[in-house]
Amino acid sequence: MELIDRVGEKISVDELLAVFQDEGMCNYIVVYLRLLTSAQLQKKEEFFENFLEGGQTMKDFCSQVSFVARTSCNKPAADL
């Protein structure tokens, strides 16, 4: 993918805006960031488990919230 090849290079604001306004590309970026967030939450599970409600495990939270498209993930993930 051309965008990944350009990581680390300077990119203009207009080019970046065009990437984020492309729904397909934007969806890929969101999924990637959700995966990174899930990995961080699970890596630091001891710290973040105190933010979970109802005895939910971090793995359950990630599978129910982080991986579900069009779901707001604003509880423990907001503190990253």
C-alpha atoms as a PDB file:
ATOM      1  CA  MET A   1       0.000   0.000   0.000  1.00  0.00           C
ATOM      2  CA  GLU A   2       1.394   3.330  -1.058  1.00  0.00           C
ATOM      3  CA  LEU A   3       0.515   5.110   2.184  1.00  0.00           C
ATOM      4  CA  ILE A   4       2.492   2.630   4.285  1.00  0.00           C
ATOM      5  CA  ASP A   5       5.482   3.058   1.990  1.00  0.00           C
ATOM      6  CA  ARG A   6       5.338   6.781   2.753  1.00  0.00           C
ATOM      7  CA  VAL A   7       5.393   6.395   6.543  1.00  0.00           C
ATOM      8  CA  GLY A   8       8.167   8.556   7.877  1.00  0.00           C
ATOM      9  CA  GLU A   9       8.160  10.861   4.878  1.00  0.00           C
ATOM     10  CA  LYS A  10       6.622  14.288   5.040  1.00  0.00           C
ATOM     11  CA  ILE A  11       3.037  14.340   3.861  1.00  0.00           C
ATOM     12  CA  SER A  12       1.067  17.497   3.225  1.00  0.00           C
ATOM     13  CA  VAL A  13      -2.019  18.353   5.231  1.00  0.00           C
ATOM     14  CA  ASP A  14      -4.110  18.122   2.061  1.00  0.00           C
ATOM     15  CA  GLU A  15      -2.803  14.611   1.316  1.00  0.00           C
ATOM     16  CA  LEU A  16      -3.443  13.495   4.889  1.00  0.00           C
ATOM     17  CA  LEU A  17      -6.933  14.971   4.820  1.00  0.00           C
ATOM     18  CA  ALA A  18      -7.652  13.143   1.554  1.00  0.00           C
ATOM     19  CA  VAL A  19      -6.602   9.846   3.165  1.00  0.00           C
ATOM     20  CA  PHE A  20      -8.865  10.388   6.170  1.00  0.00           C
ATOM     21  CA  GLN A  21     -11.784  11.425   3.971  1.00  0.00           C
ATOM     22  CA  ASP A  22     -11.525   8.241   1.895  1.00  0.00           C
ATOM     23  CA  GLU A  23     -14.015   5.973   3.692  1.00  0.00           C
ATOM     24  CA  GLY A  24     -12.241   2.752   2.746  1.00  0.00           C
ATOM     25  CA  MET A  25      -8.830   3.966   3.866  1.00  0.00           C
ATOM     26  CA  CYS A  26     -10.276   5.541   6.994  1.00  0.00           C
ATOM     27  CA  ASN A  27     -11.900   2.225   7.950  1.00  0.00           C
ATOM     28  CA  TYR A  28      -8.555   0.426   7.601  1.00  0.00           C
ATOM     29  CA  ILE A  29      -6.888   3.012   9.818  1.00  0.00           C
ATOM     30  CA  VAL A  30      -9.618   2.711  12.460  1.00  0.00           C
ATOM     31  CA  VAL A  31      -9.353  -1.095  12.506  1.00  0.00           C
ATOM     32  CA  TYR A  32      -5.566  -0.873  12.807  1.00  0.00           C
ATOM     33  CA  LEU A  33      -5.833   1.568  15.712  1.00  0.00           C
ATOM     34  CA  ARG A  34      -8.439  -0.631  17.413  1.00  0.00           C
ATOM     35  CA  LEU A  35      -6.060  -3.596  17.144  1.00  0.00           C
ATOM     36  CA  LEU A  36      -3.233  -1.526  18.633  1.00  0.00           C
ATOM     37  CA  THR A  37      -5.515  -0.350  21.434  1.00  0.00           C
ATOM     38  CA  SER A  38      -6.661  -3.893  22.160  1.00  0.00           C
ATOM     39  CA  ALA A  39      -3.072  -5.121  22.258  1.00  0.00           C
ATOM     40  CA  GLN A  40      -2.087  -2.350  24.684  1.00  0.00           C
ATOM     41  CA  LEU A  41      -5.105  -2.964  26.906  1.00  0.00           C
ATOM     42  CA  GLN A  42      -4.327  -6.669  27.083  1.00  0.00           C
ATOM     43  CA  LYS A  43      -0.614  -6.040  27.632  1.00  0.00           C
ATOM     44  CA  LYS A  44      -1.358  -3.702  30.558  1.00  0.00           C
ATOM     45  CA  GLU A  45      -4.382  -5.685  31.744  1.00  0.00           C
ATOM     46  CA  GLU A  46      -3.563  -5.333  35.453  1.00  0.00           C
ATOM     47  CA  PHE A  47      -3.717  -1.546  35.231  1.00  0.00           C
ATOM     48  CA  PHE A  48      -6.794  -1.278  33.023  1.00  0.00           C
ATOM     49  CA  GLU A  49      -8.895  -4.040  34.619  1.00  0.00           C
ATOM     50  CA  ASN A  50      -9.983  -1.579  37.324  1.00  0.00           C
ATOM     51  CA  PHE A  51     -11.851   0.400  34.662  1.00  0.00           C
ATOM     52  CA  LEU A  52     -13.963  -2.579  33.588  1.00  0.00           C
ATOM     53  CA  GLU A  53     -17.484  -3.022  34.911  1.00  0.00           C
ATOM     54  CA  GLY A  54     -19.455  -6.075  35.977  1.00  0.00           C
ATOM     55  CA  GLY A  55     -16.559  -8.493  36.401  1.00  0.00           C
ATOM     56  CA  GLN A  56     -15.800  -8.379  32.696  1.00  0.00           C
ATOM     57  CA  THR A  57     -12.370  -9.643  31.640  1.00  0.00           C
ATOM     58  CA  MET A  58     -10.122  -7.570  29.411  1.00  0.00           C
ATOM     59  CA  LYS A  59     -10.320 -10.229  26.712  1.00  0.00           C
ATOM     60  CA  ASP A  60     -14.146 -10.049  26.838  1.00  0.00           C
ATOM     61  CA  PHE A  61     -14.056  -6.254  26.693  1.00  0.00           C
ATOM     62  CA  CYS A  62     -11.742  -6.251  23.693  1.00  0.00           C
ATOM     63  CA  SER A  63     -13.796  -8.821  21.813  1.00  0.00           C
ATOM     64  CA  GLN A  64     -17.094  -7.069  22.572  1.00  0.00           C
ATOM     65  CA  VAL A  65     -16.028  -3.449  22.126  1.00  0.00           C
ATOM     66  CA  SER A  66     -12.621  -3.011  20.509  1.00  0.00           C
ATOM     67  CA  PHE A  67     -13.214  -5.426  17.636  1.00  0.00           C
ATOM     68  CA  VAL A  68     -16.817  -4.498  16.859  1.00  0.00           C
ATOM     69  CA  ALA A  69     -17.152  -1.995  14.026  1.00  0.00           C
ATOM     70  CA  ARG A  70     -19.066   1.210  14.702  1.00  0.00           C
ATOM     71  CA  THR A  71     -18.805   0.738  18.471  1.00  0.00           C
ATOM     72  CA  SER A  72     -17.557   3.530  20.673  1.00  0.00           C
ATOM     73  CA  CYS A  73     -14.620   2.384  22.743  1.00  0.00           C
ATOM     74  CA  ASN A  74     -14.489   5.145  25.332  1.00  0.00           C
ATOM     75  CA  LYS A  75     -14.021   3.475  28.687  1.00  0.00           C
ATOM     76  CA  PRO A  76     -10.543   2.129  29.526  1.00  0.00           C
ATOM     77  CA  ALA A  77      -9.189   2.888  26.058  1.00  0.00           C
ATOM     78  CA  ALA A  78      -9.684   6.619  26.589  1.00  0.00           C
ATOM     79  CA  ASP A  79      -6.909   6.551  29.184  1.00  0.00           C
ATOM     80  CA  LEU A  80      -4.207   5.263  26.842  1.00  0.00           C
END
